[in-house]
Amino acid sequence: TGEKPFECTFCDKKFTRKPNLDTHLRTHTGEKPFECTFCDNKFKAAQYLRLHLRKHIEETHFECTFCGKKFTLKKNLGEKPFECTLCKKKFARSGSLRTHFRTHTGEKPFGCTLCPMKFVAENQLRVHLRKHTGETPFECTLCPKKFAGKNQLRVHLRKHTGETPFECTLCKKKFAWSGSLRTHLRTHTGEKPFECTLCNKKFAVMGKLHVHLRTHTGERPFECSVCGKKFSGALHLRQHLRTHTGEKPFECTLCSKKFAHDKNLRQHLRTHTGEKPFE
């Protein structure tokens, strides 16, 4: 009938069966009553414990037809039978497809009880809640930095490994983070989605809008430790510090002359190309 009489008192999500509600409630309470008898791992649902137990008893239901390797979960085979009808992206699990579909519909059923934030997936809410609690259980093994979510740690690790998995299809430049690629693409499209509400000036990057707003407020939070001069943005402070250090990181590839600022290098390059853009 589609009726869902069992409603969560924390987030108003509804379920057709009470056991499903009981399992869901544990995502709010943190309760994990299903304990592994072989190790200290605990789980919120019996099915998660059953999957985990296969690691101990070596139950391998799914075998790769190419190499013979066996897995406890079908998704480990690399099969992705669930396809999004809107963008054709494929997923190994139906639940992942359902979560993905919300990125198209805008639905965000998982609301934080401590602030107005809402999320498309339950795990996103769990990670967000750690902002309120201050919990950072995922620690980088290469530096002391800690993170609230596993994905945040994975992204951070690229700083150490140098991995750049996100490639621009227009110029082949690569990036460590998807957000950096999105920002870069605006250099090709000219898109400037961040608009100042005071003067209507537009920016491709949110951070540049924040710096720009300080021209209206007069705020200068970045202070030089050498001479005390203050700046509206961290980039301006870094550039200023070169007047003290003498650093010139921008080098001409044609004559090896060096400059403290990239705009000075661009101007210098015109002496080689003969370009006169302001005639």
C-alpha atoms as a PDB file:
ATOM      1  CA  THR A   1       0.000   0.000   0.000  1.00  0.00           C
ATOM      2  CA  GLY A   2       3.033   2.284   0.452  1.00  0.00           C
ATOM      3  CA  GLU A   3       1.891   3.282   3.943  1.00  0.00           C
ATOM      4  CA  LYS A   4       4.723   4.166   6.356  1.00  0.00           C
ATOM      5  CA  PRO A   5       3.239   4.277   9.861  1.00  0.00           C
ATOM      6  CA  PHE A   6       6.525   4.199  11.802  1.00  0.00           C
ATOM      7  CA  GLU A   7       8.027   7.681  12.090  1.00  0.00           C
ATOM      8  CA  CYS A   8      11.422   8.716  13.481  1.00  0.00           C
ATOM      9  CA  THR A   9      11.066  11.257  16.306  1.00  0.00           C
ATOM     10  CA  PHE A  10      14.470  12.775  15.461  1.00  0.00           C
ATOM     11  CA  CYS A  11      14.228  13.482  11.720  1.00  0.00           C
ATOM     12  CA  ASP A  12      10.609  12.629  10.702  1.00  0.00           C
ATOM     13  CA  LYS A  13      11.730   9.837   8.332  1.00  0.00           C
ATOM     14  CA  LYS A  14       9.048   7.144   7.988  1.00  0.00           C
ATOM     15  CA  PHE A  15       9.231   3.368   7.613  1.00  0.00           C
ATOM     16  CA  THR A  16       6.899   0.550   6.626  1.00  0.00           C
ATOM     17  CA  ARG A  17       8.190  -1.795   9.365  1.00  0.00           C
ATOM     18  CA  LYS A  18       9.084  -1.173  13.016  1.00  0.00           C
ATOM     19  CA  PRO A  19      12.411  -3.147  12.802  1.00  0.00           C
ATOM     20  CA  ASN A  20      13.535  -0.736  10.069  1.00  0.00           C
ATOM     21  CA  LEU A  21      12.689   2.204  12.333  1.00  0.00           C
ATOM     22  CA  ASP A  22      14.579   0.589  15.229  1.00  0.00           C
ATOM     23  CA  THR A  23      17.688   0.184  13.038  1.00  0.00           C
ATOM     24  CA  HIS A  24      17.398   3.759  11.784  1.00  0.00           C
ATOM     25  CA  LEU A  25      17.049   5.188  15.319  1.00  0.00           C
ATOM     26  CA  ARG A  26      20.492   3.825  16.140  1.00  0.00           C
ATOM     27  CA  THR A  27      22.017   6.295  13.638  1.00  0.00           C
ATOM     28  CA  HIS A  28      20.810   9.032  16.007  1.00  0.00           C
ATOM     29  CA  THR A  29      21.564   7.316  19.313  1.00  0.00           C
ATOM     30  CA  GLY A  30      24.869   5.753  18.222  1.00  0.00           C
ATOM     31  CA  GLU A  31      23.767   2.417  19.715  1.00  0.00           C
ATOM     32  CA  LYS A  32      25.481  -0.675  18.228  1.00  0.00           C
ATOM     33  CA  PRO A  33      23.969  -3.760  19.898  1.00  0.00           C
ATOM     34  CA  PHE A  34      25.341  -6.369  17.458  1.00  0.00           C
ATOM     35  CA  GLU A  35      28.853  -7.345  18.565  1.00  0.00           C
ATOM     36  CA  CYS A  36      31.335  -9.553  16.735  1.00  0.00           C
ATOM     37  CA  THR A  37      32.418 -12.581  18.790  1.00  0.00           C
ATOM     38  CA  PHE A  38      35.819 -12.672  17.059  1.00  0.00           C
ATOM     39  CA  CYS A  39      36.853  -9.019  17.519  1.00  0.00           C
ATOM     40  CA  ASP A  40      35.689  -5.794  19.193  1.00  0.00           C
ATOM     41  CA  ASN A  41      33.671  -4.472  16.256  1.00  0.00           C
ATOM     42  CA  LYS A  42      30.045  -3.511  16.898  1.00  0.00           C
ATOM     43  CA  PHE A  43      27.216  -2.783  14.461  1.00  0.00           C
ATOM     44  CA  LYS A  44      23.831  -1.061  14.461  1.00  0.00           C
ATOM     45  CA  ALA A  45      22.137  -3.783  12.381  1.00  0.00           C
ATOM     46  CA  ALA A  46      22.336  -7.579  12.230  1.00  0.00           C
ATOM     47  CA  GLN A  47      22.966  -7.606   8.457  1.00  0.00           C
ATOM     48  CA  TYR A  48      26.092  -5.476   8.912  1.00  0.00           C
ATOM     49  CA  LEU A  49      27.380  -7.930  11.498  1.00  0.00           C
ATOM     50  CA  ARG A  50      26.689 -10.852   9.131  1.00  0.00           C
ATOM     51  CA  LEU A  51      28.699  -9.175   6.361  1.00  0.00           C
ATOM     52  CA  HIS A  52      31.522  -8.493   8.796  1.00  0.00           C
ATOM     53  CA  LEU A  53      31.601 -12.089  10.055  1.00  0.00           C
ATOM     54  CA  ARG A  54      32.494 -13.282   6.549  1.00  0.00           C
ATOM     55  CA  LYS A  55      35.911 -11.707   7.044  1.00  0.00           C
ATOM     56  CA  HIS A  56      36.520 -14.085   9.920  1.00  0.00           C
ATOM     57  CA  ILE A  57      34.949 -17.261   8.511  1.00  0.00           C
ATOM     58  CA  GLU A  58      36.189 -16.582   4.953  1.00  0.00           C
ATOM     59  CA  GLU A  59      32.745 -16.993   3.401  1.00  0.00           C
ATOM     60  CA  THR A  60      33.144 -15.761  -0.181  1.00  0.00           C
ATOM     61  CA  HIS A  61      29.945 -15.773  -2.204  1.00  0.00           C
ATOM     62  CA  PHE A  62      31.046 -13.695  -5.173  1.00  0.00           C
ATOM     63  CA  GLU A  63      33.856 -14.791  -7.500  1.00  0.00           C
ATOM     64  CA  CYS A  64      35.482 -12.757 -10.266  1.00  0.00           C
ATOM     65  CA  THR A  65      35.128 -14.578 -13.602  1.00  0.00           C
ATOM     66  CA  PHE A  66      38.423 -13.103 -14.863  1.00  0.00           C
ATOM     67  CA  CYS A  67      40.918 -13.769 -12.072  1.00  0.00           C
ATOM     68  CA  GLY A  68      39.083 -16.102  -9.682  1.00  0.00           C
ATOM     69  CA  LYS A  69      39.421 -13.755  -6.711  1.00  0.00           C
ATOM     70  CA  LYS A  70      36.541 -14.070  -4.252  1.00  0.00           C
ATOM     71  CA  PHE A  71      34.689 -11.360  -2.349  1.00  0.00           C
ATOM     72  CA  THR A  72      32.168 -11.102   0.490  1.00  0.00           C
ATOM     73  CA  LEU A  73      30.287  -8.294  -1.278  1.00  0.00           C
ATOM     74  CA  LYS A  74      29.122  -8.224  -4.885  1.00  0.00           C
ATOM     75  CA  LYS A  75      30.103  -4.536  -5.183  1.00  0.00           C
ATOM     76  CA  ASN A  76      33.782  -5.533  -4.780  1.00  0.00           C
ATOM     77  CA  LEU A  77      33.585  -7.268  -8.170  1.00  0.00           C
ATOM     78  CA  GLY A  78      33.277  -3.868  -9.795  1.00  0.00           C
ATOM     79  CA  GLU A  79      29.780  -4.522 -11.178  1.00  0.00           C
ATOM     80  CA  LYS A  80      27.518  -1.455 -11.348  1.00  0.00           C
ATOM     81  CA  PRO A  81      24.070  -2.634 -12.410  1.00  0.00           C
ATOM     82  CA  PHE A  82      22.106   0.383 -11.084  1.00  0.00           C
ATOM     83  CA  GLU A  83      22.027   3.293 -13.560  1.00  0.00           C
ATOM     84  CA  CYS A  84      20.710   6.828 -13.044  1.00  0.00           C
ATOM     85  CA  THR A  85      18.041   7.600 -15.658  1.00  0.00           C
ATOM     86  CA  LEU A  86      18.967  11.309 -15.656  1.00  0.00           C
ATOM     87  CA  CYS A  87      22.769  11.313 -16.022  1.00  0.00           C
ATOM     88  CA  LYS A  88      23.591   7.629 -16.753  1.00  0.00           C
ATOM     89  CA  LYS A  89      25.970   7.365 -13.776  1.00  0.00           C
ATOM     90  CA  LYS A  90      26.166   3.773 -12.526  1.00  0.00           C
ATOM     91  CA  PHE A  91      26.310   2.320  -9.027  1.00  0.00           C
ATOM     92  CA  ALA A  92      27.047  -1.012  -7.390  1.00  0.00           C
ATOM     93  CA  ARG A  93      24.148  -0.725  -4.935  1.00  0.00           C
ATOM     94  CA  SER A  94      20.532   0.410  -5.282  1.00  0.00           C
ATOM     95  CA  GLY A  95      20.903   2.472  -2.077  1.00  0.00           C
ATOM     96  CA  SER A  96      23.778   4.441  -3.624  1.00  0.00           C
ATOM     97  CA  LEU A  97      21.606   5.178  -6.662  1.00  0.00           C
ATOM     98  CA  ARG A  98      18.763   6.387  -4.418  1.00  0.00           C
ATOM     99  CA  THR A  99      21.159   8.710  -2.582  1.00  0.00           C
ATOM    100  CA  HIS A 100      22.617   9.982  -5.873  1.00  0.00           C
ATOM    101  CA  PHE A 101      19.144  10.664  -7.300  1.00  0.00           C
ATOM    102  CA  ARG A 102      18.608  13.245  -4.565  1.00  0.00           C
ATOM    103  CA  THR A 103      21.367  15.372  -6.131  1.00  0.00           C
ATOM    104  CA  HIS A 104      18.970  15.778  -9.085  1.00  0.00           C
ATOM    105  CA  THR A 105      15.750  16.251  -7.100  1.00  0.00           C
ATOM    106  CA  GLY A 106      17.267  18.457  -4.397  1.00  0.00           C
ATOM    107  CA  GLU A 107      15.729  16.277  -1.676  1.00  0.00           C
ATOM    108  CA  LYS A 108      17.622  16.402   1.641  1.00  0.00           C
ATOM    109  CA  PRO A 109      15.798  14.139   4.104  1.00  0.00           C
ATOM    110  CA  PHE A 110      18.509  14.027   6.787  1.00  0.00           C
ATOM    111  CA  GLY A 111      18.291  17.148   8.945  1.00  0.00           C
ATOM    112  CA  CYS A 112      20.644  18.146  11.741  1.00  0.00           C
ATOM    113  CA  THR A 113      18.845  18.514  15.081  1.00  0.00           C
ATOM    114  CA  LEU A 114      21.362  21.161  16.218  1.00  0.00           C
ATOM    115  CA  CYS A 115      21.331  23.516  13.220  1.00  0.00           C
ATOM    116  CA  PRO A 116      19.283  24.048  10.003  1.00  0.00           C
ATOM    117  CA  MET A 117      21.650  22.014   7.779  1.00  0.00           C
ATOM    118  CA  LYS A 118      20.154  19.136   5.747  1.00  0.00           C
ATOM    119  CA  PHE A 119      21.818  16.359   3.759  1.00  0.00           C
ATOM    120  CA  VAL A 120      21.079  13.897   0.960  1.00  0.00           C
ATOM    121  CA  ALA A 121      22.739  10.980   2.786  1.00  0.00           C
ATOM    122  CA  GLU A 122      22.752   9.704   6.346  1.00  0.00           C
ATOM    123  CA  ASN A 123      26.549   9.376   6.446  1.00  0.00           C
ATOM    124  CA  GLN A 124      26.885  13.073   5.496  1.00  0.00           C
ATOM    125  CA  LEU A 125      24.744  13.960   8.511  1.00  0.00           C
ATOM    126  CA  ARG A 126      26.903  11.780  10.770  1.00  0.00           C
ATOM    127  CA  VAL A 127      30.076  13.537   9.600  1.00  0.00           C
ATOM    128  CA  HIS A 128      28.390  16.935  10.001  1.00  0.00           C
ATOM    129  CA  LEU A 129      27.319  16.173  13.585  1.00  0.00           C
ATOM    130  CA  ARG A 130      31.000  15.867  14.484  1.00  0.00           C
ATOM    131  CA  LYS A 131      31.340  19.606  13.791  1.00  0.00           C
ATOM    132  CA  HIS A 132      29.075  20.131  16.762  1.00  0.00           C
ATOM    133  CA  THR A 133      30.732  17.521  18.979  1.00  0.00           C
ATOM    134  CA  GLY A 134      34.315  18.330  17.878  1.00  0.00           C
ATOM    135  CA  GLU A 135      34.973  14.629  17.235  1.00  0.00           C
ATOM    136  CA  THR A 136      37.755  13.932  14.680  1.00  0.00           C
ATOM    137  CA  PRO A 137      38.256  10.137  14.617  1.00  0.00           C
ATOM    138  CA  PHE A 138      40.150   9.922  11.302  1.00  0.00           C
ATOM    139  CA  GLU A 139      43.849  10.708  11.727  1.00  0.00           C
ATOM    140  CA  CYS A 140      46.422  11.143   8.967  1.00  0.00           C
ATOM    141  CA  THR A 141      49.313   8.688   9.365  1.00  0.00           C
ATOM    142  CA  LEU A 142      51.722  11.138   7.694  1.00  0.00           C
ATOM    143  CA  CYS A 143      50.992  14.257   9.757  1.00  0.00           C
ATOM    144  CA  PRO A 144      49.132  15.063  13.000  1.00  0.00           C
ATOM    145  CA  LYS A 145      46.003  16.386  11.255  1.00  0.00           C
ATOM    146  CA  LYS A 146      42.646  14.793  12.153  1.00  0.00           C
ATOM    147  CA  PHE A 147      39.299  14.792  10.367  1.00  0.00           C
ATOM    148  CA  ALA A 148      35.618  14.277  11.100  1.00  0.00           C
ATOM    149  CA  GLY A 149      35.022  12.111   8.014  1.00  0.00           C
ATOM    150  CA  LYS A 150      36.827   9.333   6.170  1.00  0.00           C
ATOM    151  CA  ASN A 151      36.362  11.115   2.838  1.00  0.00           C
ATOM    152  CA  GLN A 152      37.952  14.302   4.221  1.00  0.00           C
ATOM    153  CA  LEU A 153      40.996  12.266   5.239  1.00  0.00           C
ATOM    154  CA  ARG A 154      41.149  10.625   1.789  1.00  0.00           C
ATOM    155  CA  VAL A 155      41.097  14.055   0.109  1.00  0.00           C
ATOM    156  CA  HIS A 156      43.741  15.386   2.538  1.00  0.00           C
ATOM    157  CA  LEU A 157      46.097  12.482   1.771  1.00  0.00           C
ATOM    158  CA  ARG A 158      46.465  13.797  -1.789  1.00  0.00           C
ATOM    159  CA  LYS A 159      48.553  16.629  -0.322  1.00  0.00           C
ATOM    160  CA  HIS A 160      51.099  14.003   0.668  1.00  0.00           C
ATOM    161  CA  THR A 161      50.830  11.682  -2.357  1.00  0.00           C
ATOM    162  CA  GLY A 162      50.570  14.387  -5.024  1.00  0.00           C
ATOM    163  CA  GLU A 163      47.663  12.495  -6.598  1.00  0.00           C
ATOM    164  CA  THR A 164      45.622  14.623  -9.060  1.00  0.00           C
ATOM    165  CA  PRO A 165      42.684  12.495 -10.239  1.00  0.00           C
ATOM    166  CA  PHE A 166      40.488  15.347 -11.572  1.00  0.00           C
ATOM    167  CA  GLU A 167      41.419  16.402 -15.125  1.00  0.00           C
ATOM    168  CA  CYS A 168      40.086  19.348 -17.114  1.00  0.00           C
ATOM    169  CA  THR A 169      38.663  18.090 -20.415  1.00  0.00           C
ATOM    170  CA  LEU A 170      39.506  21.398 -22.116  1.00  0.00           C
ATOM    171  CA  CYS A 171      43.188  21.918 -21.244  1.00  0.00           C
ATOM    172  CA  LYS A 172      44.178  18.611 -19.523  1.00  0.00           C
ATOM    173  CA  LYS A 173      45.266  20.402 -16.330  1.00  0.00           C
ATOM    174  CA  LYS A 174      44.890  18.104 -13.317  1.00  0.00           C
ATOM    175  CA  PHE A 175      43.732  18.767  -9.772  1.00  0.00           C
ATOM    176  CA  ALA A 176      43.739  17.000  -6.434  1.00  0.00           C
ATOM    177  CA  TRP A 177      40.198  18.089  -5.566  1.00  0.00           C
ATOM    178  CA  SER A 178      36.938  18.132  -7.533  1.00  0.00           C
ATOM    179  CA  GLY A 179      36.181  21.617  -6.158  1.00  0.00           C
ATOM    180  CA  SER A 180      39.466  22.913  -7.594  1.00  0.00           C
ATOM    181  CA  LEU A 181      38.501  21.508 -11.014  1.00  0.00           C
ATOM    182  CA  ARG A 182      35.056  23.169 -10.815  1.00  0.00           C
ATOM    183  CA  THR A 183      36.680  26.496  -9.972  1.00  0.00           C
ATOM    184  CA  HIS A 184      39.245  26.072 -12.773  1.00  0.00           C
ATOM    185  CA  LEU A 185      36.531  25.337 -15.366  1.00  0.00           C
ATOM    186  CA  ARG A 186      35.201  28.839 -14.779  1.00  0.00           C
ATOM    187  CA  THR A 187      38.410  30.205 -16.346  1.00  0.00           C
ATOM    188  CA  HIS A 188      37.192  28.569 -19.579  1.00  0.00           C
ATOM    189  CA  THR A 189      33.476  29.365 -19.276  1.00  0.00           C
ATOM    190  CA  GLY A 190      33.832  32.845 -17.753  1.00  0.00           C
ATOM    191  CA  GLU A 191      31.177  31.954 -15.177  1.00  0.00           C
ATOM    192  CA  LYS A 192      31.184  34.149 -12.046  1.00  0.00           C
ATOM    193  CA  PRO A 193      28.460  32.837  -9.726  1.00  0.00           C
ATOM    194  CA  PHE A 194      29.457  34.756  -6.568  1.00  0.00           C
ATOM    195  CA  GLU A 195      28.047  38.308  -6.573  1.00  0.00           C
ATOM    196  CA  CYS A 196      28.690  41.127  -4.124  1.00  0.00           C
ATOM    197  CA  THR A 197      25.385  42.351  -2.662  1.00  0.00           C
ATOM    198  CA  LEU A 198      26.822  45.846  -2.160  1.00  0.00           C
ATOM    199  CA  CYS A 199      28.224  46.679  -5.616  1.00  0.00           C
ATOM    200  CA  ASN A 200      27.144  43.758  -7.855  1.00  0.00           C
ATOM    201  CA  LYS A 201      30.727  42.822  -8.721  1.00  0.00           C
ATOM    202  CA  LYS A 202      30.982  39.111  -9.539  1.00  0.00           C
ATOM    203  CA  PHE A 203      33.640  36.502  -8.810  1.00  0.00           C
ATOM    204  CA  ALA A 204      34.484  32.978  -9.954  1.00  0.00           C
ATOM    205  CA  VAL A 205      35.644  31.951  -6.468  1.00  0.00           C
ATOM    206  CA  MET A 206      33.817  32.411  -3.152  1.00  0.00           C
ATOM    207  CA  GLY A 207      37.104  33.235  -1.378  1.00  0.00           C
ATOM    208  CA  LYS A 208      37.684  36.213  -3.694  1.00  0.00           C
ATOM    209  CA  LEU A 209      34.217  37.513  -2.864  1.00  0.00           C
ATOM    210  CA  HIS A 210      35.052  37.315   0.859  1.00  0.00           C
ATOM    211  CA  VAL A 211      38.273  39.299   0.278  1.00  0.00           C
ATOM    212  CA  HIS A 212      36.397  41.825  -1.882  1.00  0.00           C
ATOM    213  CA  LEU A 213      33.744  42.395   0.814  1.00  0.00           C
ATOM    214  CA  ARG A 214      36.509  43.692   3.080  1.00  0.00           C
ATOM    215  CA  THR A 215      36.971  46.635   0.680  1.00  0.00           C
ATOM    216  CA  HIS A 216      33.481  47.668   1.809  1.00  0.00           C
ATOM    217  CA  THR A 217      33.908  46.871   5.510  1.00  0.00           C
ATOM    218  CA  GLY A 218      37.537  48.058   5.783  1.00  0.00           C
ATOM    219  CA  GLU A 219      38.470  44.854   7.604  1.00  0.00           C
ATOM    220  CA  ARG A 220      42.156  43.830   7.345  1.00  0.00           C
ATOM    221  CA  PRO A 221      42.662  40.642   9.377  1.00  0.00           C
ATOM    222  CA  PHE A 222      46.041  39.604   7.894  1.00  0.00           C
ATOM    223  CA  GLU A 223      48.992  41.341   9.569  1.00  0.00           C
ATOM    224  CA  CYS A 224      52.650  41.262   8.515  1.00  0.00           C
ATOM    225  CA  SER A 225      54.784  39.890  11.351  1.00  0.00           C
ATOM    226  CA  VAL A 226      57.772  41.958  10.156  1.00  0.00           C
ATOM    227  CA  CYS A 227      56.382  45.485   9.802  1.00  0.00           C
ATOM    228  CA  GLY A 228      52.831  45.281  11.145  1.00  0.00           C
ATOM    229  CA  LYS A 229      51.153  46.269   7.858  1.00  0.00           C
ATOM    230  CA  LYS A 230      47.668  44.784   7.499  1.00  0.00           C
ATOM    231  CA  PHE A 231      45.877  43.304   4.487  1.00  0.00           C
ATOM    232  CA  SER A 232      42.372  42.238   3.502  1.00  0.00           C
ATOM    233  CA  GLY A 233      43.477  38.885   2.052  1.00  0.00           C
ATOM    234  CA  ALA A 234      46.068  36.181   2.760  1.00  0.00           C
ATOM    235  CA  LEU A 235      47.345  36.381  -0.835  1.00  0.00           C
ATOM    236  CA  HIS A 236      48.066  40.093  -0.457  1.00  0.00           C
ATOM    237  CA  LEU A 237      50.012  39.376   2.734  1.00  0.00           C
ATOM    238  CA  ARG A 238      52.047  36.617   1.010  1.00  0.00           C
ATOM    239  CA  GLN A 239      52.892  38.966  -1.842  1.00  0.00           C
ATOM    240  CA  HIS A 240      53.896  41.718   0.600  1.00  0.00           C
ATOM    241  CA  LEU A 241      56.170  39.377   2.573  1.00  0.00           C
ATOM    242  CA  ARG A 242      58.347  39.019  -0.542  1.00  0.00           C
ATOM    243  CA  THR A 243      59.394  42.660  -0.111  1.00  0.00           C
ATOM    244  CA  HIS A 244      61.001  41.525   3.154  1.00  0.00           C
ATOM    245  CA  THR A 245      62.374  38.136   2.053  1.00  0.00           C
ATOM    246  CA  GLY A 246      63.453  39.134  -1.461  1.00  0.00           C
ATOM    247  CA  GLU A 247      61.806  35.970  -2.818  1.00  0.00           C
ATOM    248  CA  LYS A 248      61.096  36.034  -6.571  1.00  0.00           C
ATOM    249  CA  PRO A 249      59.266  32.812  -7.453  1.00  0.00           C
ATOM    250  CA  PHE A 250      58.118  33.810 -10.967  1.00  0.00           C
ATOM    251  CA  GLU A 251      60.861  33.166 -13.556  1.00  0.00           C
ATOM    252  CA  CYS A 252      60.885  34.038 -17.249  1.00  0.00           C
ATOM    253  CA  THR A 253      61.451  30.895 -19.339  1.00  0.00           C
ATOM    254  CA  LEU A 254      63.083  32.950 -22.102  1.00  0.00           C
ATOM    255  CA  CYS A 255      65.729  34.930 -20.189  1.00  0.00           C
ATOM    256  CA  SER A 256      65.621  33.535 -16.607  1.00  0.00           C
ATOM    257  CA  LYS A 257      64.775  36.939 -15.118  1.00  0.00           C
ATOM    258  CA  LYS A 258      62.800  36.557 -11.879  1.00  0.00           C
ATOM    259  CA  PHE A 259      59.921  38.505 -10.368  1.00  0.00           C
ATOM    260  CA  ALA A 260      58.143  38.750  -7.029  1.00  0.00           C
ATOM    261  CA  HIS A 261      54.677  38.925  -8.630  1.00  0.00           C
ATOM    262  CA  ASP A 262      53.129  37.014 -11.529  1.00  0.00           C
ATOM    263  CA  LYS A 263      51.659  40.230 -13.028  1.00  0.00           C
ATOM    264  CA  ASN A 264      55.210  41.639 -13.310  1.00  0.00           C
ATOM    265  CA  LEU A 265      56.277  38.476 -15.150  1.00  0.00           C
ATOM    266  CA  ARG A 266      53.323  38.821 -17.560  1.00  0.00           C
ATOM    267  CA  GLN A 267      54.288  42.441 -18.287  1.00  0.00           C
ATOM    268  CA  HIS A 268      57.924  41.413 -18.805  1.00  0.00           C
ATOM    269  CA  LEU A 269      57.000  38.648 -21.266  1.00  0.00           C
ATOM    270  CA  ARG A 270      55.633  41.325 -23.608  1.00  0.00           C
ATOM    271  CA  THR A 271      59.177  42.611 -24.083  1.00  0.00           C
ATOM    272  CA  HIS A 272      59.908  39.255 -25.759  1.00  0.00           C
ATOM    273  CA  THR A 273      56.638  38.871 -27.689  1.00  0.00           C
ATOM    274  CA  GLY A 274      56.292  42.518 -28.709  1.00  0.00           C
ATOM    275  CA  GLU A 275      52.663  42.450 -27.585  1.00  0.00           C
ATOM    276  CA  LYS A 276      51.185  45.922 -26.915  1.00  0.00           C
ATOM    277  CA  PRO A 277      47.707  45.332 -25.512  1.00  0.00           C
ATOM    278  CA  PHE A 278      47.049  48.917 -24.444  1.00  0.00           C
ATOM    279  CA  GLU A 279      47.501  50.761 -27.733  1.00  0.00           C
END
